[in-house]
All heavy atoms as atom14 arrays in JSON, in Angstrom:
{
  "sequence": "AASRSIFRFIDMGWYRQAPGQQRELVASITSSGNTDYAHSVKG",
  "atom14_mask": [
    [1, 1, 1, 1, 1, 0, 0, 0, 0, 0, 0, 0, 0, 0],
    [1, 1, 1, 1, 1, 0, 0, 0, 0, 0, 0, 0, 0, 0],
    [1, 1, 1, 1, 1, 1, 0, 0, 0, 0, 0, 0, 0, 0],
    [1, 1, 1, 1, 1, 1, 1, 1, 1, 1, 1, 0, 0, 0],
    [1, 1, 1, 1, 1, 1, 0, 0, 0, 0, 0, 0, 0, 0],
    [1, 1, 1, 1, 1, 1, 1, 1, 0, 0, 0, 0, 0, 0],
    [1, 1, 1, 1, 1, 1, 1, 1, 1, 1, 1, 0, 0, 0],
    [1, 1, 1, 1, 1, 1, 1, 1, 1, 1, 1, 0, 0, 0],
    [1, 1, 1, 1, 1, 1, 1, 1, 1, 1, 1, 0, 0, 0],
    [1, 1, 1, 1, 1, 1, 1, 1, 0, 0, 0, 0, 0, 0],
    [1, 1, 1, 1, 1, 1, 1, 1, 0, 0, 0, 0, 0, 0],
    [1, 1, 1, 1, 1, 1, 1, 1, 0, 0, 0, 0, 0, 0],
    [1, 1, 1, 1, 0, 0, 0, 0, 0, 0, 0, 0, 0, 0],
    [1, 1, 1, 1, 1, 1, 1, 1, 1, 1, 1, 1, 1, 1],
    [1, 1, 1, 1, 1, 1, 1, 1, 1, 1, 1, 1, 0, 0],
    [1, 1, 1, 1, 1, 1, 1, 1, 1, 1, 1, 0, 0, 0],
    [1, 1, 1, 1, 1, 1, 1, 1, 1, 0, 0, 0, 0, 0],
    [1, 1, 1, 1, 1, 0, 0, 0, 0, 0, 0, 0, 0, 0],
    [1, 1, 1, 1, 1, 1, 1, 0, 0, 0, 0, 0, 0, 0],
    [1, 1, 1, 1, 0, 0, 0, 0, 0, 0, 0, 0, 0, 0],
    [1, 1, 1, 1, 1, 1, 1, 1, 1, 0, 0, 0, 0, 0],
    [1, 1, 1, 1, 1, 1, 1, 1, 1, 0, 0, 0, 0, 0],
    [1, 1, 1, 1, 1, 1, 1, 1, 1, 1, 1, 0, 0, 0],
    [1, 1, 1, 1, 1, 1, 1, 1, 1, 0, 0, 0, 0, 0],
    [1, 1, 1, 1, 1, 1, 1, 1, 0, 0, 0, 0, 0, 0],
    [1, 1, 1, 1, 1, 1, 1, 0, 0, 0, 0, 0, 0, 0],
    [1, 1, 1, 1, 1, 0, 0, 0, 0, 0, 0, 0, 0, 0],
    [1, 1, 1, 1, 1, 1, 0, 0, 0, 0, 0, 0, 0, 0],
    [1, 1, 1, 1, 1, 1, 1, 1, 0, 0, 0, 0, 0, 0],
    [1, 1, 1, 1, 1, 1, 1, 0, 0, 0, 0, 0, 0, 0],
    [1, 1, 1, 1, 1, 1, 0, 0, 0, 0, 0, 0, 0, 0],
    [1, 1, 1, 1, 1, 1, 0, 0, 0, 0, 0, 0, 0, 0],
    [1, 1, 1, 1, 0, 0, 0, 0, 0, 0, 0, 0, 0, 0],
    [1, 1, 1, 1, 1, 1, 1, 1, 0, 0, 0, 0, 0, 0],
    [1, 1, 1, 1, 1, 1, 1, 0, 0, 0, 0, 0, 0, 0],
    [1, 1, 1, 1, 1, 1, 1, 1, 0, 0, 0, 0, 0, 0],
    [1, 1, 1, 1, 1, 1, 1, 1, 1, 1, 1, 1, 0, 0],
    [1, 1, 1, 1, 1, 0, 0, 0, 0, 0, 0, 0, 0, 0],
    [1, 1, 1, 1, 1, 1, 1, 1, 1, 1, 0, 0, 0, 0],
    [1, 1, 1, 1, 1, 1, 0, 0, 0, 0, 0, 0, 0, 0],
    [1, 1, 1, 1, 1, 1, 1, 0, 0, 0, 0, 0, 0, 0],
    [1, 1, 1, 1, 1, 1, 1, 1, 1, 0, 0, 0, 0, 0],
    [1, 1, 1, 1, 0, 0, 0, 0, 0, 0, 0, 0, 0, 0]
  ],
  "atom14_positions": [
    [[0.84, -1.19, 0.0], [0.0, 0.0, 0.0], [0.88, 1.24, 0.0], [1.8, 1.37, 0.82], [-0.91, 0.0, 1.22], [0.0, 0.0, 0.0], [0.0, 0.0, 0.0], [0.0, 0.0, 0.0], [0.0, 0.0, 0.0], [0.0, 0.0, 0.0], [0.0, 0.0, 0.0], [0.0, 0.0, 0.0], [0.0, 0.0, 0.0], [0.0, 0.0, 0.0]],
    [[0.59, 2.15, -0.91], [1.33, 3.41, -1.01], [0.56, 4.51, -0.29], [-0.68, 4.49, -0.23], [1.55, 3.77, -2.46], [0.0, 0.0, 0.0], [0.0, 0.0, 0.0], [0.0, 0.0, 0.0], [0.0, 0.0, 0.0], [0.0, 0.0, 0.0], [0.0, 0.0, 0.0], [0.0, 0.0, 0.0], [0.0, 0.0, 0.0], [0.0, 0.0, 0.0]],
    [[1.3, 5.49, 0.21], [0.69, 6.52, 1.06], [0.08, 7.67, 0.29], [-0.66, 8.47, 0.86], [1.75, 7.06, 2.02], [2.82, 7.66, 1.29], [0.0, 0.0, 0.0], [0.0, 0.0, 0.0], [0.0, 0.0, 0.0], [0.0, 0.0, 0.0], [0.0, 0.0, 0.0], [0.0, 0.0, 0.0], [0.0, 0.0, 0.0], [0.0, 0.0, 0.0]],
    [[0.38, 7.77, -1.01], [-0.07, 8.92, -1.77], [-0.62, 8.49, -3.13], [-0.15, 7.53, -3.72], [1.07, 9.91, -1.97], [1.6, 10.53, -0.69], [2.72, 11.53, -0.99], [2.24, 12.63, -1.82], [3.05, 13.51, -2.38], [4.36, 13.41, -2.22], [2.56, 14.49, -3.12], [0.0, 0.0, 0.0], [0.0, 0.0, 0.0], [0.0, 0.0, 0.0]],
    [[-1.56, 9.24, -3.62], [-2.2, 8.9, -4.89], [-1.29, 9.11, -6.08], [-1.61, 8.63, -7.19], [-3.49, 9.71, -5.06], [-3.19, 11.09, -5.07], [0.0, 0.0, 0.0], [0.0, 0.0, 0.0], [0.0, 0.0, 0.0], [0.0, 0.0, 0.0], [0.0, 0.0, 0.0], [0.0, 0.0, 0.0], [0.0, 0.0, 0.0], [0.0, 0.0, 0.0]],
    [[-0.15, 9.79, -5.85], [0.82, 9.9, -6.94], [1.29, 8.51, -7.37], [1.86, 8.33, -8.43], [2.02, 10.76, -6.5], [2.87, 11.15, -7.7], [2.87, 10.03, -5.47], [4.0, 12.1, -7.37], [0.0, 0.0, 0.0], [0.0, 0.0, 0.0], [0.0, 0.0, 0.0], [0.0, 0.0, 0.0], [0.0, 0.0, 0.0], [0.0, 0.0, 0.0]],
    [[1.0, 7.51, -6.53], [1.33, 6.11, -6.82], [0.94, 5.74, -8.24], [1.65, 5.0, -8.93], [0.6, 5.22, -5.82], [0.49, 3.77, -6.21], [1.53, 2.9, -5.93], [-0.64, 3.28, -6.84], [1.45, 1.56, -6.28], [-0.74, 1.94, -7.2], [0.31, 1.08, -6.92], [0.0, 0.0, 0.0], [0.0, 0.0, 0.0], [0.0, 0.0, 0.0]],
    [[-0.21, 6.24, -8.7], [-0.72, 5.82, -9.99], [0.2, 6.19, -11.15], [0.08, 5.64, -12.24], [-2.11, 6.4, -10.22], [-2.16, 7.9, -10.44], [-3.59, 8.39, -10.5], [-4.29, 8.1, -9.26], [-5.58, 7.88, -9.18], [-6.33, 7.89, -10.27], [-6.16, 7.64, -8.02], [0.0, 0.0, 0.0], [0.0, 0.0, 0.0], [0.0, 0.0, 0.0]],
    [[1.11, 7.11, -10.92], [2.03, 7.53, -11.98], [3.39, 6.85, -11.89], [4.26, 7.08, -12.72], [2.23, 9.05, -11.92], [0.95, 9.82, -12.07], [0.45, 10.56, -11.01], [0.26, 9.81, -13.26], [-0.74, 11.27, -11.14], [-0.92, 10.52, -13.41], [-1.42, 11.24, -12.34], [0.0, 0.0, 0.0], [0.0, 0.0, 0.0], [0.0, 0.0, 0.0]],
    [[3.56, 6.01, -10.86], [4.87, 5.4, -10.6], [4.93, 3.99, -11.19], [4.05, 3.17, -10.94], [5.13, 5.32, -9.07], [5.08, 6.71, -8.45], [6.48, 4.66, -8.81], [5.15, 6.69, -6.93], [0.0, 0.0, 0.0], [0.0, 0.0, 0.0], [0.0, 0.0, 0.0], [0.0, 0.0, 0.0], [0.0, 0.0, 0.0], [0.0, 0.0, 0.0]],
    [[5.96, 3.73, -11.97], [6.24, 2.36, -12.37], [6.76, 1.64, -11.13], [7.74, 2.07, -10.52], [7.3, 2.31, -13.47], [6.84, 2.96, -14.77], [5.63, 3.16, -14.93], [7.7, 3.25, -15.62], [0.0, 0.0, 0.0], [0.0, 0.0, 0.0], [0.0, 0.0, 0.0], [0.0, 0.0, 0.0], [0.0, 0.0, 0.0], [0.0, 0.0, 0.0]],
    [[6.11, 0.53, -10.76], [6.4, -0.11, -9.48], [7.13, -1.44, -9.65], [7.04, -2.1, -10.7], [5.09, -0.38, -8.74], [4.4, 0.86, -8.22], [5.37, 1.7, -6.96], [5.47, 0.43, -5.68], [0.0, 0.0, 0.0], [0.0, 0.0, 0.0], [0.0, 0.0, 0.0], [0.0, 0.0, 0.0], [0.0, 0.0, 0.0], [0.0, 0.0, 0.0]],
    [[7.83, -1.83, -8.6], [8.53, -3.1, -8.62], [8.4, -3.83, -7.29], [8.25, -3.2, -6.24], [0.0, 0.0, 0.0], [0.0, 0.0, 0.0], [0.0, 0.0, 0.0], [0.0, 0.0, 0.0], [0.0, 0.0, 0.0], [0.0, 0.0, 0.0], [0.0, 0.0, 0.0], [0.0, 0.0, 0.0], [0.0, 0.0, 0.0], [0.0, 0.0, 0.0]],
    [[8.46, -5.15, -7.36], [8.61, -5.99, -6.18], [10.05, -6.5, -6.17], [10.56, -6.99, -7.2], [7.64, -7.17, -6.21], [6.28, -6.86, -5.69], [5.16, -6.59, -6.41], [5.9, -6.77, -4.31], [4.1, -6.35, -5.58], [4.52, -6.46, -4.27], [6.57, -6.95, -3.09], [3.81, -6.31, -3.09], [5.86, -6.79, -1.92], [4.49, -6.48, -1.92]],
    [[10.65, -6.39, -5.01], [12.03, -6.81, -4.83], [12.07, -7.87, -3.72], [11.16, -7.96, -2.9], [12.9, -5.63, -4.38], [12.93, -4.47, -5.34], [11.87, -3.58, -5.44], [14.05, -4.25, -6.14], [11.9, -2.52, -6.32], [14.1, -3.17, -7.02], [13.02, -2.32, -7.1], [13.06, -1.25, -7.97], [0.0, 0.0, 0.0], [0.0, 0.0, 0.0]],
    [[13.16, -8.61, -3.68], [13.36, -9.52, -2.56], [14.84, -9.56, -2.18], [15.71, -9.32, -3.02], [12.85, -10.92, -2.87], [13.63, -11.67, -3.93], [12.94, -13.0, -4.24], [13.67, -13.78, -5.25], [13.19, -14.89, -5.8], [12.0, -15.37, -5.43], [13.9, -15.54, -6.7], [0.0, 0.0, 0.0], [0.0, 0.0, 0.0], [0.0, 0.0, 0.0]],
    [[15.05, -9.85, -0.92], [16.42, -9.96, -0.42], [16.51, -11.16, 0.49], [15.86, -11.21, 1.55], [16.84, -8.7, 0.33], [18.3, -8.69, 0.73], [18.76, -7.33, 1.22], [17.97, -6.49, 1.64], [20.06, -7.09, 1.15], [0.0, 0.0, 0.0], [0.0, 0.0, 0.0], [0.0, 0.0, 0.0], [0.0, 0.0, 0.0], [0.0, 0.0, 0.0]],
    [[17.29, -12.13, 0.06], [17.53, -13.32, 0.86], [18.75, -13.06, 1.76], [19.58, -12.2, 1.45], [17.78, -14.52, -0.04], [0.0, 0.0, 0.0], [0.0, 0.0, 0.0], [0.0, 0.0, 0.0], [0.0, 0.0, 0.0], [0.0, 0.0, 0.0], [0.0, 0.0, 0.0], [0.0, 0.0, 0.0], [0.0, 0.0, 0.0], [0.0, 0.0, 0.0]],
    [[18.86, -13.8, 2.85], [20.0, -13.6, 3.77], [21.34, -13.71, 3.04], [21.58, -14.66, 2.3], [19.83, -14.72, 4.79], [18.37, -15.02, 4.78], [17.93, -14.83, 3.36], [0.0, 0.0, 0.0], [0.0, 0.0, 0.0], [0.0, 0.0, 0.0], [0.0, 0.0, 0.0], [0.0, 0.0, 0.0], [0.0, 0.0, 0.0], [0.0, 0.0, 0.0]],
    [[22.18, -12.71, 3.25], [23.49, -12.72, 2.66], [23.55, -12.38, 1.19], [24.62, -12.47, 0.57], [0.0, 0.0, 0.0], [0.0, 0.0, 0.0], [0.0, 0.0, 0.0], [0.0, 0.0, 0.0], [0.0, 0.0, 0.0], [0.0, 0.0, 0.0], [0.0, 0.0, 0.0], [0.0, 0.0, 0.0], [0.0, 0.0, 0.0], [0.0, 0.0, 0.0]],
    [[22.41, -12.01, 0.63], [22.37, -11.7, -0.81], [21.89, -10.27, -1.04], [21.32, -9.64, -0.16], [21.45, -12.68, -1.53], [21.92, -14.13, -1.44], [21.17, -15.04, -2.39], [20.53, -14.59, -3.34], [21.26, -16.34, -2.14], [0.0, 0.0, 0.0], [0.0, 0.0, 0.0], [0.0, 0.0, 0.0], [0.0, 0.0, 0.0], [0.0, 0.0, 0.0]],
    [[22.18, -9.77, -2.23], [21.72, -8.43, -2.58], [20.24, -8.44, -2.9], [19.67, -9.46, -3.3], [22.52, -7.92, -3.8], [23.97, -7.62, -3.5], [24.66, -6.92, -4.66], [24.25, -7.05, -5.81], [25.69, -6.16, -4.35], [0.0, 0.0, 0.0], [0.0, 0.0, 0.0], [0.0, 0.0, 0.0], [0.0, 0.0, 0.0], [0.0, 0.0, 0.0]],
    [[19.64, -7.3, -2.71], [18.24, -7.13, -3.08], [18.11, -7.2, -4.59], [18.92, -6.61, -5.32], [17.73, -5.79, -2.56], [16.23, -5.61, -2.57], [15.86, -4.33, -1.81], [16.23, -4.43, -0.4], [16.12, -3.42, 0.44], [15.68, -2.25, 0.03], [16.48, -3.57, 1.7], [0.0, 0.0, 0.0], [0.0, 0.0, 0.0], [0.0, 0.0, 0.0]],
    [[17.1, -7.93, -5.05], [16.91, -8.08, -6.49], [15.47, -7.75, -6.87], [14.53, -8.0, -6.11], [17.23, -9.51, -6.93], [16.36, -10.59, -6.32], [16.55, -11.96, -6.94], [17.07, -12.06, -8.07], [16.15, -12.95, -6.29], [0.0, 0.0, 0.0], [0.0, 0.0, 0.0], [0.0, 0.0, 0.0], [0.0, 0.0, 0.0], [0.0, 0.0, 0.0]],
    [[15.31, -7.22, -8.07], [14.0, -6.92, -8.63], [13.44, -8.2, -9.23], [14.1, -8.83, -10.07], [14.13, -5.84, -9.7], [12.86, -5.46, -10.45], [11.88, -4.77, -9.53], [13.21, -4.54, -11.63], [0.0, 0.0, 0.0], [0.0, 0.0, 0.0], [0.0, 0.0, 0.0], [0.0, 0.0, 0.0], [0.0, 0.0, 0.0], [0.0, 0.0, 0.0]],
    [[12.24, -8.6, -8.8], [11.65, -9.83, -9.32], [10.48, -9.58, -10.25], [10.18, -10.42, -11.1], [11.24, -10.79, -8.19], [12.45, -11.23, -7.39], [10.19, -10.18, -7.28], [0.0, 0.0, 0.0], [0.0, 0.0, 0.0], [0.0, 0.0, 0.0], [0.0, 0.0, 0.0], [0.0, 0.0, 0.0], [0.0, 0.0, 0.0], [0.0, 0.0, 0.0]],
    [[9.81, -8.45, -10.12], [8.67, -8.17, -10.98], [8.46, -6.66, -11.01], [8.71, -5.98, -10.02], [7.41, -8.86, -10.48], [0.0, 0.0, 0.0], [0.0, 0.0, 0.0], [0.0, 0.0, 0.0], [0.0, 0.0, 0.0], [0.0, 0.0, 0.0], [0.0, 0.0, 0.0], [0.0, 0.0, 0.0], [0.0, 0.0, 0.0], [0.0, 0.0, 0.0]],
    [[7.96, -6.18, -12.14], [7.67, -4.75, -12.26], [6.4, -4.55, -13.07], [6.01, -5.42, -13.87], [8.85, -4.01, -12.89], [9.06, -4.45, -14.21], [0.0, 0.0, 0.0], [0.0, 0.0, 0.0], [0.0, 0.0, 0.0], [0.0, 0.0, 0.0], [0.0, 0.0, 0.0], [0.0, 0.0, 0.0], [0.0, 0.0, 0.0], [0.0, 0.0, 0.0]],
    [[5.8, -3.41, -12.85], [4.59, -3.06, -13.59], [4.61, -1.56, -13.82], [4.84, -0.78, -12.9], [3.31, -3.52, -12.83], [2.06, -3.25, -13.67], [3.21, -2.9, -11.45], [0.82, -3.95, -13.13], [0.0, 0.0, 0.0], [0.0, 0.0, 0.0], [0.0, 0.0, 0.0], [0.0, 0.0, 0.0], [0.0, 0.0, 0.0], [0.0, 0.0, 0.0]],
    [[4.38, -1.16, -15.06], [4.37, 0.27, -15.37], [3.05, 0.9, -14.9], [2.1, 0.2, -14.53], [4.55, 0.5, -16.87], [3.38, 0.0, -17.55], [5.79, -0.2, -17.4], [0.0, 0.0, 0.0], [0.0, 0.0, 0.0], [0.0, 0.0, 0.0], [0.0, 0.0, 0.0], [0.0, 0.0, 0.0], [0.0, 0.0, 0.0], [0.0, 0.0, 0.0]],
    [[3.0, 2.23, -14.98], [1.77, 2.92, -14.58], [0.6, 2.53, -15.48], [-0.55, 2.6, -15.05], [2.0, 4.43, -14.62], [2.39, 4.83, -15.92], [0.0, 0.0, 0.0], [0.0, 0.0, 0.0], [0.0, 0.0, 0.0], [0.0, 0.0, 0.0], [0.0, 0.0, 0.0], [0.0, 0.0, 0.0], [0.0, 0.0, 0.0], [0.0, 0.0, 0.0]],
    [[0.91, 2.09, -16.68], [-0.16, 1.69, -17.61], [-0.43, 0.19, -17.59], [-1.29, -0.29, -18.34], [0.21, 2.12, -19.03], [1.44, 1.56, -19.43], [0.0, 0.0, 0.0], [0.0, 0.0, 0.0], [0.0, 0.0, 0.0], [0.0, 0.0, 0.0], [0.0, 0.0, 0.0], [0.0, 0.0, 0.0], [0.0, 0.0, 0.0], [0.0, 0.0, 0.0]],
    [[0.3, -0.56, -16.76], [-0.01, -1.97, -16.57], [0.87, -2.97, -17.29], [0.61, -4.18, -17.22], [0.0, 0.0, 0.0], [0.0, 0.0, 0.0], [0.0, 0.0, 0.0], [0.0, 0.0, 0.0], [0.0, 0.0, 0.0], [0.0, 0.0, 0.0], [0.0, 0.0, 0.0], [0.0, 0.0, 0.0], [0.0, 0.0, 0.0], [0.0, 0.0, 0.0]],
    [[1.9, -2.52, -17.96], [2.82, -3.46, -18.61], [3.72, -4.11, -17.57], [4.24, -3.43, -16.68], [3.67, -2.75, -19.65], [2.83, -2.24, -20.8], [1.97, -2.94, -21.32], [3.05, -1.0, -21.2], [0.0, 0.0, 0.0], [0.0, 0.0, 0.0], [0.0, 0.0, 0.0], [0.0, 0.0, 0.0], [0.0, 0.0, 0.0], [0.0, 0.0, 0.0]],
    [[3.89, -5.41, -17.68], [4.61, -6.17, -16.65], [5.89, -6.79, -17.19], [6.04, -7.02, -18.39], [3.72, -7.28, -16.07], [3.33, -8.17, -17.12], [2.47, -6.7, -15.41], [0.0, 0.0, 0.0], [0.0, 0.0, 0.0], [0.0, 0.0, 0.0], [0.0, 0.0, 0.0], [0.0, 0.0, 0.0], [0.0, 0.0, 0.0], [0.0, 0.0, 0.0]],
    [[6.79, -7.07, -16.26], [8.04, -7.75, -16.6], [8.47, -8.55, -15.37], [8.15, -8.16, -14.24], [9.12, -6.74, -16.98], [10.29, -7.4, -17.7], [10.16, -8.55, -18.17], [11.36, -6.77, -17.78], [0.0, 0.0, 0.0], [0.0, 0.0, 0.0], [0.0, 0.0, 0.0], [0.0, 0.0, 0.0], [0.0, 0.0, 0.0], [0.0, 0.0, 0.0]],
    [[9.17, -9.66, -15.63], [9.54, -10.56, -14.55], [10.98, -11.03, -14.68], [11.49, -11.19, -15.8], [8.62, -11.8, -14.56], [7.17, -11.47, -14.37], [6.33, -11.24, -15.46], [6.63, -11.36, -13.09], [5.01, -10.91, -15.29], [5.3, -11.03, -12.91], [4.49, -10.81, -14.01], [3.18, -10.48, -13.83], [0.0, 0.0, 0.0], [0.0, 0.0, 0.0]],
    [[11.58, -11.28, -13.53], [12.87, -11.96, -13.54], [12.68, -13.38, -14.04], [11.62, -13.99, -13.83], [13.47, -11.96, -12.14], [0.0, 0.0, 0.0], [0.0, 0.0, 0.0], [0.0, 0.0, 0.0], [0.0, 0.0, 0.0], [0.0, 0.0, 0.0], [0.0, 0.0, 0.0], [0.0, 0.0, 0.0], [0.0, 0.0, 0.0], [0.0, 0.0, 0.0]],
    [[13.71, -13.91, -14.66], [13.61, -15.27, -15.21], [13.24, -16.28, -14.13], [12.48, -17.23, -14.39], [14.94, -15.64, -15.86], [14.97, -17.04, -16.4], [14.31, -17.4, -17.57], [15.55, -18.17, -15.93], [14.51, -18.69, -17.79], [15.26, -19.18, -16.81], [0.0, 0.0, 0.0], [0.0, 0.0, 0.0], [0.0, 0.0, 0.0], [0.0, 0.0, 0.0]],
    [[13.73, -16.06, -12.93], [13.55, -17.04, -11.86], [12.1, -17.15, -11.4], [11.73, -18.15, -10.76], [14.44, -16.69, -10.66], [14.14, -15.39, -10.19], [0.0, 0.0, 0.0], [0.0, 0.0, 0.0], [0.0, 0.0, 0.0], [0.0, 0.0, 0.0], [0.0, 0.0, 0.0], [0.0, 0.0, 0.0], [0.0, 0.0, 0.0], [0.0, 0.0, 0.0]],
    [[11.26, -16.16, -11.69], [9.88, -16.19, -11.2], [8.87, -16.19, -12.33], [7.67, -16.35, -12.08], [9.59, -15.0, -10.26], [10.63, -14.95, -9.13], [9.52, -13.68, -10.99], [0.0, 0.0, 0.0], [0.0, 0.0, 0.0], [0.0, 0.0, 0.0], [0.0, 0.0, 0.0], [0.0, 0.0, 0.0], [0.0, 0.0, 0.0], [0.0, 0.0, 0.0]],
    [[9.32, -16.04, -13.56], [8.41, -15.96, -14.7], [7.57, -17.22, -14.79], [8.07, -18.33, -14.67], [9.2, -15.73, -15.98], [8.36, -15.34, -17.18], [9.23, -14.92, -18.36], [9.96, -13.63, -18.07], [10.7, -13.14, -19.26], [0.0, 0.0, 0.0], [0.0, 0.0, 0.0], [0.0, 0.0, 0.0], [0.0, 0.0, 0.0], [0.0, 0.0, 0.0]],
    [[6.27, -17.02, -14.95], [5.35, -18.15, -15.02], [4.79, -18.58, -13.68], [3.85, -19.37, -13.63], [0.0, 0.0, 0.0], [0.0, 0.0, 0.0], [0.0, 0.0, 0.0], [0.0, 0.0, 0.0], [0.0, 0.0, 0.0], [0.0, 0.0, 0.0], [0.0, 0.0, 0.0], [0.0, 0.0, 0.0], [0.0, 0.0, 0.0], [0.0, 0.0, 0.0]]
  ]
}
């Protein structure tokens, strides 16, 4: 949940960080709804 309605203009991403590893982007969605996924989670 985002705190401001400007959210609708932001291309958003979900990230994850496992212990001892760098944070990685796993999925993203543009303000217009186009999506993209890391290979490890696609499907």
